[in-house]
Protein backbone atom coordinates (compact mmCIF):
# COMPACT_ATOMS: atom_id res chain seq x y z
CA MET A 1 85.91 -61.97 30.65
CA PRO A 2 88.06 -60.74 33.57
CA GLU A 3 87.23 -62.16 37.02
CA PHE A 4 86.88 -58.72 38.68
CA LYS A 5 86.69 -60.11 42.24
CA THR A 6 89.82 -58.21 43.29
CA LEU A 7 88.51 -55.01 41.70
CA TYR A 8 85.16 -55.44 43.46
CA LYS A 9 86.88 -55.67 46.86
CA GLU A 10 89.01 -52.62 46.03
CA LEU A 11 85.90 -50.58 45.18
CA GLU A 12 84.20 -51.77 48.37
CA ARG A 13 87.17 -50.60 50.45
CA ALA A 14 86.93 -47.24 48.67
CA LYS A 15 83.34 -46.89 50.03
CA ILE A 16 81.67 -47.09 46.62
CA PRO A 17 78.10 -48.43 47.07
CA LEU A 18 77.95 -51.65 45.07
CA GLN A 19 75.36 -54.30 44.42
CA LYS A 20 76.04 -57.95 45.24
CA PHE A 21 79.11 -59.21 43.39
CA ASP A 22 78.41 -60.38 39.85
CA PRO A 23 81.39 -60.79 37.50
CA ALA A 24 79.09 -59.91 34.58
CA ASP A 25 78.09 -56.55 36.12
CA GLN A 26 78.96 -53.91 33.52
CA LEU A 27 79.83 -51.43 36.29
CA LEU A 28 82.93 -53.49 37.09
CA ALA A 29 84.01 -53.51 33.46
CA GLU A 30 83.58 -49.74 33.21
CA ALA A 31 85.35 -49.14 36.53
CA ASP A 32 88.25 -51.24 35.27
CA TYR A 33 88.33 -49.18 32.06
CA ALA A 34 88.13 -45.85 33.96
CA LEU A 35 90.92 -46.77 36.36
CA LYS A 36 93.30 -47.45 33.44
CA PRO A 37 93.42 -44.01 31.76
CA HIS A 38 93.67 -44.05 27.98
CA SER A 39 95.55 -41.64 25.75
CA HIS A 40 95.29 -40.24 22.25
CA GLU A 41 98.25 -38.63 20.51
CA GLY A 42 100.22 -38.69 23.75
CA LYS A 43 97.54 -37.04 25.91
CA ILE A 44 95.22 -38.65 28.46
CA VAL A 45 91.61 -38.45 27.29
CA THR A 46 88.73 -38.02 29.70
CA TYR A 47 86.08 -40.68 30.21
CA GLY A 48 82.78 -41.00 32.07
CA PHE A 49 80.04 -43.49 32.84
CA MET A 50 77.00 -43.58 35.11
CA ARG A 51 75.06 -46.35 36.79
CA VAL A 52 71.40 -45.44 37.21
CA GLU A 53 68.10 -47.06 38.08
CA HIS A 54 66.19 -44.87 35.63
CA LEU A 55 66.62 -41.61 33.76
CA THR A 56 63.05 -40.31 33.94
CA LYS A 57 64.02 -37.49 36.34
CA LEU A 58 66.34 -35.88 33.83
CA GLU A 59 65.50 -33.22 31.29
CA LYS A 60 67.32 -32.20 28.11
CA TYR A 61 69.13 -35.37 27.26
CA VAL A 62 69.36 -37.85 24.41
CA ILE A 63 69.98 -41.60 24.74
CA VAL A 64 71.79 -43.40 21.94
CA SER A 65 70.73 -47.05 21.90
CA PRO A 66 73.21 -49.94 22.32
CA ASN A 67 71.94 -51.06 18.93
CA ASP A 68 73.47 -47.92 17.40
CA LEU A 69 76.73 -47.81 19.41
CA THR A 70 78.72 -50.75 20.69
CA ILE A 71 80.29 -50.40 24.13
CA THR A 72 83.70 -49.93 22.48
CA GLN A 73 82.37 -47.13 20.30
CA ALA A 74 80.60 -45.49 23.24
CA ARG A 75 83.76 -45.55 25.35
CA SER A 76 85.70 -43.83 22.60
CA ILE A 77 83.46 -40.73 22.78
CA ALA A 78 82.20 -40.71 26.40
CA ASP A 79 84.06 -37.63 27.64
CA GLY A 80 82.62 -37.45 31.18
CA ARG A 81 81.28 -33.94 30.60
CA ASN A 82 78.52 -34.12 27.99
CA LEU A 83 78.68 -37.80 27.06
CA PHE A 84 78.49 -40.80 29.40
CA VAL A 85 78.23 -44.56 29.02
CA VAL A 86 75.03 -45.65 30.79
CA ILE A 87 74.59 -48.80 32.88
CA GLU A 88 71.12 -49.93 33.89
CA ASP A 89 70.38 -53.17 35.72
CA LYS A 90 74.06 -54.23 35.41
CA HIS A 91 73.97 -53.97 31.62
CA TYR A 92 75.27 -51.50 29.06
CA ALA A 93 72.27 -49.33 28.15
CA GLY A 94 73.76 -46.95 25.58
CA LEU A 95 75.26 -43.47 25.59
CA ILE A 96 73.65 -40.40 27.16
CA VAL A 97 74.13 -36.95 25.65
CA LEU A 98 73.44 -34.23 28.24
CA GLY A 99 71.96 -30.88 27.30
CA GLU A 100 74.35 -29.07 29.66
CA SER A 101 78.00 -29.87 30.29
CA LEU A 102 79.22 -30.98 33.73
CA SER A 103 82.22 -28.69 33.79
CA ASN A 104 83.27 -28.85 37.45
CA GLU A 105 82.94 -30.94 40.58
CA SER A 106 80.10 -28.84 42.00
CA ASP A 107 78.06 -29.49 38.83
CA ILE A 108 78.75 -33.21 39.03
CA VAL A 109 77.76 -33.47 42.70
CA ALA A 110 74.52 -31.54 42.07
CA PHE A 111 73.78 -33.78 39.07
CA GLN A 112 74.33 -36.93 41.16
CA LYS A 113 71.93 -35.64 43.83
CA GLU A 114 69.28 -35.19 41.14
CA LEU A 115 69.98 -38.47 39.38
CA GLY A 116 71.02 -40.84 42.17
CA GLY A 117 73.21 -43.84 41.39
CA ILE A 118 76.92 -43.53 40.69
CA ILE A 119 78.76 -41.21 38.33
CA CYS A 120 82.37 -41.98 37.41
CA ILE A 121 84.73 -39.58 35.66
CA THR A 122 88.40 -39.86 34.72
CA ASP A 123 89.95 -36.47 33.99
CA ASN A 124 92.83 -35.53 31.68
CA HIS A 125 95.32 -35.96 34.54
CA GLY A 126 94.32 -39.60 35.02
CA VAL A 127 92.43 -38.94 38.28
CA THR A 128 89.26 -41.02 38.61
CA LYS A 129 86.30 -39.98 40.79
CA PHE A 130 83.30 -42.09 41.75
CA ILE A 131 80.52 -39.74 42.92
CA SER A 132 77.71 -41.30 44.95
CA SER A 133 75.50 -40.65 47.98
CA HIS A 134 78.48 -41.73 50.12
CA GLY A 135 80.63 -38.87 48.85
CA ILE A 136 83.47 -38.89 46.33
CA SER A 137 85.88 -41.82 46.17
CA LEU A 138 88.97 -40.48 44.42
CA HIS A 139 91.72 -42.58 42.83
CA GLU A 140 95.02 -40.84 42.09
CA LEU A 141 98.51 -42.28 41.66
CA ARG A 142 97.39 -45.75 42.78
CA ASP A 143 95.95 -44.33 46.00
CA TRP A 144 92.34 -43.96 47.15
CA LYS A 145 90.94 -41.00 49.10
CA LEU A 146 87.39 -40.40 50.28
CA LYS A 147 85.84 -36.95 50.14
CA PRO A 148 82.81 -37.27 52.41
CA ASN A 149 79.24 -36.42 51.61
CA VAL A 150 78.59 -32.77 52.55
CA ASN A 151 75.34 -33.57 54.38
CA GLN A 152 77.06 -36.23 56.49
CA VAL A 153 79.76 -33.74 57.52
CA ALA A 154 77.12 -31.09 58.24
CA ARG A 155 75.24 -33.52 60.49
CA ILE A 156 78.36 -34.15 62.58
CA ILE A 157 79.18 -30.45 62.85
CA THR A 158 75.65 -29.47 63.91
CA GLN A 159 75.77 -32.02 66.71
CA HIS A 160 78.84 -30.21 68.01
CA ALA A 161 77.49 -26.73 67.21
CA PRO A 162 73.67 -26.94 67.39
CA MET A 163 73.24 -23.18 66.89
CA VAL A 164 74.63 -23.36 63.34
CA ASN A 165 72.29 -22.76 60.41
CA ARG A 166 72.51 -26.00 58.45
CA GLY A 167 71.78 -24.43 55.06
CA LYS A 168 74.57 -21.88 55.44
CA LEU A 169 76.94 -24.56 56.70
CA VAL A 170 76.24 -26.78 53.68
CA ALA A 171 76.89 -23.88 51.28
CA ILE A 172 80.29 -23.18 52.86
CA LEU A 173 81.20 -26.87 52.95
CA GLU A 174 80.29 -27.26 49.27
CA PHE A 175 82.55 -24.36 48.34
CA CYS A 176 85.46 -25.74 50.38
CA LEU A 177 85.09 -29.36 49.27
CA HIS A 178 83.94 -29.07 45.67
CA THR A 179 85.53 -25.80 44.53
CA LEU A 180 88.66 -25.08 46.56
CA GLY A 181 89.49 -28.71 47.36
CA ALA A 182 88.68 -29.94 43.86
CA ASN A 183 90.99 -27.31 42.36
CA LYS A 184 93.66 -27.78 45.04
CA ILE A 185 93.53 -24.19 46.21
CA GLY A 186 94.95 -23.85 49.72
CA ALA A 187 92.94 -21.47 51.90
CA THR A 188 91.59 -20.75 55.38
CA LEU A 189 88.01 -19.55 55.84
CA VAL A 190 86.94 -18.25 59.25
CA TRP A 191 83.16 -18.28 59.67
CA PHE A 192 81.94 -16.09 62.51
CA LEU A 193 78.67 -17.33 64.00
CA ASP A 194 78.13 -14.11 65.91
CA THR A 195 78.59 -10.42 65.13
CA LEU A 196 82.25 -9.62 64.65
CA SER A 197 83.60 -7.54 67.50
CA GLN A 198 85.92 -4.63 66.78
CA ASP A 199 88.85 -6.27 68.60
CA VAL A 200 88.72 -9.18 66.17
CA LEU A 201 88.83 -6.93 63.12
CA THR A 202 91.62 -4.74 64.48
CA SER A 203 93.84 -7.24 66.28
CA GLY A 204 92.58 -10.84 66.35
CA ALA A 205 92.16 -11.29 62.60
CA ARG A 206 92.84 -8.06 60.78
CA ALA A 207 92.22 -8.40 57.03
CA GLN A 208 94.70 -6.86 54.61
CA THR A 209 91.94 -6.27 52.06
CA ASN A 210 88.37 -5.28 52.90
CA THR A 211 86.08 -7.07 50.43
CA GLN A 212 82.60 -6.09 51.64
CA SER A 213 81.96 -3.87 48.62
CA LEU A 214 82.47 -6.87 46.29
CA GLU A 215 79.21 -8.38 47.59
CA ILE A 216 80.54 -11.94 47.62
CA ASN A 217 78.29 -14.28 49.58
CA LEU A 218 78.97 -18.01 49.94
CA VAL A 219 75.43 -18.77 51.06
CA ASP A 220 73.71 -16.98 48.19
CA LYS A 221 76.50 -18.23 45.89
CA GLN A 222 77.18 -14.73 44.57
CA ASN A 223 80.47 -14.27 42.71
CA LEU A 224 81.99 -17.53 43.93
CA SER A 225 84.24 -17.74 40.88
CA ALA A 226 85.61 -14.33 41.87
CA LEU A 227 86.20 -15.58 45.42
CA GLN A 228 88.07 -18.60 44.06
CA SER A 229 90.30 -16.23 42.09
CA ILE A 230 90.90 -13.98 45.11
CA LEU A 231 91.90 -16.90 47.34
CA GLU A 232 94.32 -18.20 44.70
CA ARG A 233 96.15 -14.86 44.87
CA ASN A 234 96.14 -14.09 48.59
CA ASP A 235 97.73 -15.70 51.63
CA GLY A 236 96.15 -15.46 55.06
CA ALA A 237 92.59 -16.18 56.12
CA ALA A 238 89.30 -15.11 54.57
CA LEU A 239 86.75 -13.76 57.06
CA ILE A 240 83.10 -14.74 56.64
CA SER A 241 80.21 -13.01 58.41
CA PRO A 242 77.34 -14.95 60.08
CA ASP A 243 75.19 -14.53 56.96
CA GLY A 244 77.95 -15.82 54.64
CA LYS A 245 79.30 -12.52 53.31
CA LEU A 246 83.03 -12.18 52.60
CA ILE A 247 84.32 -9.42 54.87
CA GLY A 248 88.03 -9.50 54.09
CA VAL A 249 90.99 -11.58 52.95
CA GLY A 250 94.65 -11.83 53.86
CA ALA A 251 93.97 -11.91 57.60
CA HIS A 252 96.70 -13.03 59.99
CA LEU A 253 95.13 -15.09 62.78
CA VAL A 254 96.50 -13.96 66.16
CA THR A 255 96.44 -16.65 68.85
CA SER A 256 96.78 -16.42 72.62
CA PRO A 257 99.64 -17.76 74.75
CA LYS A 258 97.16 -20.19 76.34
CA SER A 259 96.16 -21.67 72.98
CA ILE A 260 99.83 -22.02 72.02
CA ASP A 261 100.52 -23.85 75.28
CA LEU A 262 97.41 -26.02 75.12
CA ILE A 263 97.03 -26.82 71.41
CA GLN A 264 99.89 -28.72 69.81
CA ALA A 265 101.10 -27.96 66.29
CA TYR A 266 98.98 -29.64 63.63
CA THR A 267 100.56 -30.66 60.28
CA GLY A 268 101.60 -27.14 59.19
CA THR A 269 101.46 -23.43 60.01
CA ARG A 270 98.08 -22.85 58.30
CA HIS A 271 96.37 -25.68 60.16
CA THR A 272 98.03 -24.92 63.48
CA SER A 273 97.02 -21.26 63.52
CA ALA A 274 93.49 -22.18 62.40
CA ARG A 275 93.11 -24.73 65.18
CA ARG A 276 94.45 -22.39 67.88
CA PHE A 277 92.34 -19.47 66.65
CA SER A 278 89.22 -21.66 66.81
CA TYR A 279 90.07 -22.40 70.45
CA ASP A 280 90.44 -18.70 71.30
CA ARG A 281 87.32 -17.68 69.38
CA SER A 282 84.48 -20.01 70.31
CA GLU A 283 82.14 -18.04 68.05
CA THR A 284 83.97 -19.33 64.96
CA ILE A 285 84.26 -22.42 62.80
CA VAL A 286 87.46 -22.50 60.74
CA PHE A 287 87.69 -24.35 57.41
CA THR A 288 91.23 -25.11 56.25
CA VAL A 289 91.81 -26.37 52.71
CA SER A 290 95.18 -27.94 51.91
CA SER A 291 96.88 -27.20 48.60
CA ASP A 292 96.63 -30.92 47.81
CA GLY A 293 92.86 -30.95 48.30
CA PRO A 294 91.74 -32.23 51.75
CA VAL A 295 89.56 -29.99 53.95
CA THR A 296 89.97 -29.85 57.74
CA ILE A 297 87.42 -28.17 60.01
CA PHE A 298 88.25 -26.78 63.46
CA SER A 299 86.03 -25.58 66.28
CA ASP A 300 86.98 -24.82 69.90
CA GLY A 301 90.46 -26.19 69.24
CA LEU A 302 89.09 -29.54 68.09
CA LYS A 303 89.14 -31.09 64.64
CA ILE A 304 85.50 -31.71 63.76
CA GLY A 305 83.71 -33.07 60.70
CA GLU A 306 85.21 -36.53 61.15
CA ILE A 307 84.75 -37.01 64.90
CA ASP A 308 82.79 -39.97 66.21
CA THR A 309 79.40 -38.90 67.46
CA TYR A 310 77.57 -40.50 70.35
CA ASP A 311 73.86 -41.19 70.08
CA ALA A 312 72.84 -41.54 73.73
CA PHE A 313 69.22 -42.40 72.87
CA ASN A 314 70.11 -45.34 70.62
CA VAL A 315 72.81 -46.56 73.03
CA GLU A 316 70.22 -46.67 75.80
CA LEU A 317 67.77 -48.54 73.55
CA ALA A 318 70.45 -51.11 72.70
CA TYR A 319 71.19 -51.81 76.36
CA ARG A 320 67.49 -52.02 77.16
CA SER A 321 67.02 -54.66 74.46
CA PHE A 322 69.53 -56.94 76.24
CA ALA A 323 68.36 -56.28 79.81
CA THR A 324 66.12 -58.72 81.69
CA ASP A 325 64.07 -55.74 82.84
CA PRO A 326 64.28 -52.73 80.49
CA ASN A 327 63.55 -50.44 83.44
CA ASP A 328 66.94 -51.42 84.91
CA VAL A 329 68.59 -49.26 82.24
CA GLN A 330 68.53 -45.49 82.70
CA SER A 331 70.37 -42.63 81.04
CA SER A 332 71.07 -39.02 81.91
CA SER A 333 72.99 -36.12 80.37
CA TRP A 334 74.40 -32.87 81.71
CA GLU A 335 76.95 -30.23 80.79
CA THR A 336 80.25 -29.61 82.54
CA THR A 337 83.12 -27.19 81.99
CA CYS A 338 86.70 -28.43 81.87
CA PRO A 339 88.78 -26.75 84.61
CA ASN A 340 91.88 -26.84 82.38
CA CYS A 341 90.83 -25.65 78.91
CA GLY A 342 87.50 -24.05 79.84
CA LYS A 343 85.52 -25.82 77.12
CA THR A 344 82.06 -27.31 77.64
CA SER A 345 81.23 -30.99 77.19
CA VAL A 346 77.95 -32.87 77.40
CA ILE A 347 78.34 -35.91 79.66
CA HIS A 348 76.21 -38.94 78.81
CA GLU A 349 75.74 -41.56 81.54
CA ILE A 350 74.26 -45.04 81.16
CA PHE A 351 73.19 -46.53 84.51
CA ILE A 352 72.31 -50.23 84.76
CA TYR A 353 70.84 -51.50 88.03
CA GLY A 354 73.32 -53.73 89.85
CA TRP A 355 76.33 -52.40 87.91
CA ARG A 356 78.56 -50.26 90.12
CA GLN A 357 81.89 -50.00 88.31
CA HIS A 358 83.87 -46.78 88.80
CA GLU A 359 83.99 -44.91 85.48
CA THR A 360 85.85 -41.74 84.51
CA VAL A 361 85.78 -39.57 81.41
CA ASP A 362 88.24 -37.00 80.05
CA CYS A 363 87.78 -33.71 78.22
CA PRO A 364 87.83 -34.47 74.46
CA LEU A 365 90.14 -31.49 73.87
CA CYS A 366 92.82 -31.52 76.59
CA TRP A 367 92.26 -34.97 78.18
CA THR A 368 91.79 -33.61 81.68
CA GLN A 369 89.45 -35.78 83.77
CA ILE A 370 86.12 -34.00 83.98
CA GLU A 371 83.79 -36.59 85.53
CA ALA A 372 83.82 -39.76 87.67
CA ARG A 373 80.76 -41.85 88.50
CA LYS A 374 79.71 -45.34 89.57
CA CYS A 375 77.75 -46.41 86.52
CA HIS A 376 77.99 -48.57 83.40
CA THR A 377 79.16 -46.05 80.79
CA LEU A 378 80.33 -42.43 80.68
CA ASN A 379 80.90 -40.48 77.47
CA ALA A 380 81.88 -36.85 76.84
CA GLN A 381 81.16 -34.84 73.69
CA LEU A 382 82.58 -31.33 73.27
CA VAL A 383 79.79 -28.88 72.46
CA LYS A 384 80.10 -25.31 71.23
CA ARG A 385 79.08 -22.59 73.67
CA PHE A 386 79.66 -18.86 73.43
CA SER A 387 77.95 -15.78 74.76
């Protein structure tokens, strides 16, 4: 039996939620098998397994007992769409036959939410994905990438933009991450959080093709396969209304001289124009999907979705737990506007009695100093504001 300690550490680094190391854990054996794609008649064959606590939540499935199929036999037919090797309590528990095929990443993610546990699939290009509550850990060409959990990204974004409808945000994120990103379709989606003004439609982001009559809505998930097709065939940005309706495609994002001066170029033309446009139009969130898969989200000129968030309440509680007198620790928060870029930040101050160090904090966007106090800690978080 292989040792698997090195593999275990590799999977840990890839953010795959594992149980305590056990060299006899069948998950490690199946992960090792999945990460070494197999071929038949010169073509890579797909493979899939799942680790579950129980299958009682599922409907329309058949389990083939380990007594009827050895692990070798099960591997030879587990295609990662309808058929999966099953691991329960670290042991091979047979083969599951699903009533409905998992044909795309969106289906797999939805299935994992229902089932829990871990689902692993190797596709016919040799790319292996581990889908769990942490997101998707993707192995391609000896390199690991993490596609985050949609709800975790949504939580970060709503802290920056508290006015956003979380359900609508999740629907748009799912489309970007699990449809466009999964199929490596490069695109820019501009979501307007407020009614689109005429100057935006005629000059700021004029669409080459008006799509309102197509009745495509990302939130209601109407005609999303058609939208995928449209974005594959059109350059420029897609414009999304506050309620999730596709307004137009092929839009050229016009940015101001101030945004060009203030916001540096970011990776490529698509990302740079998206970031600068988000600065100029505070009422937008811009989703940029690279042709190689990753999704970047911009708001107010800042890359969001991966930013570190600051929980002032829990920070205060932590300091209080160490203080001789908990009442010596106080916190306060207020908003301030940066005199350079004009964006709003929430300032969080932690004051500890007897601590009088001079602290300063900079704007998270342009790094201009926006506050100075005698306190213990100062922190600034950019927050979306628009009228």
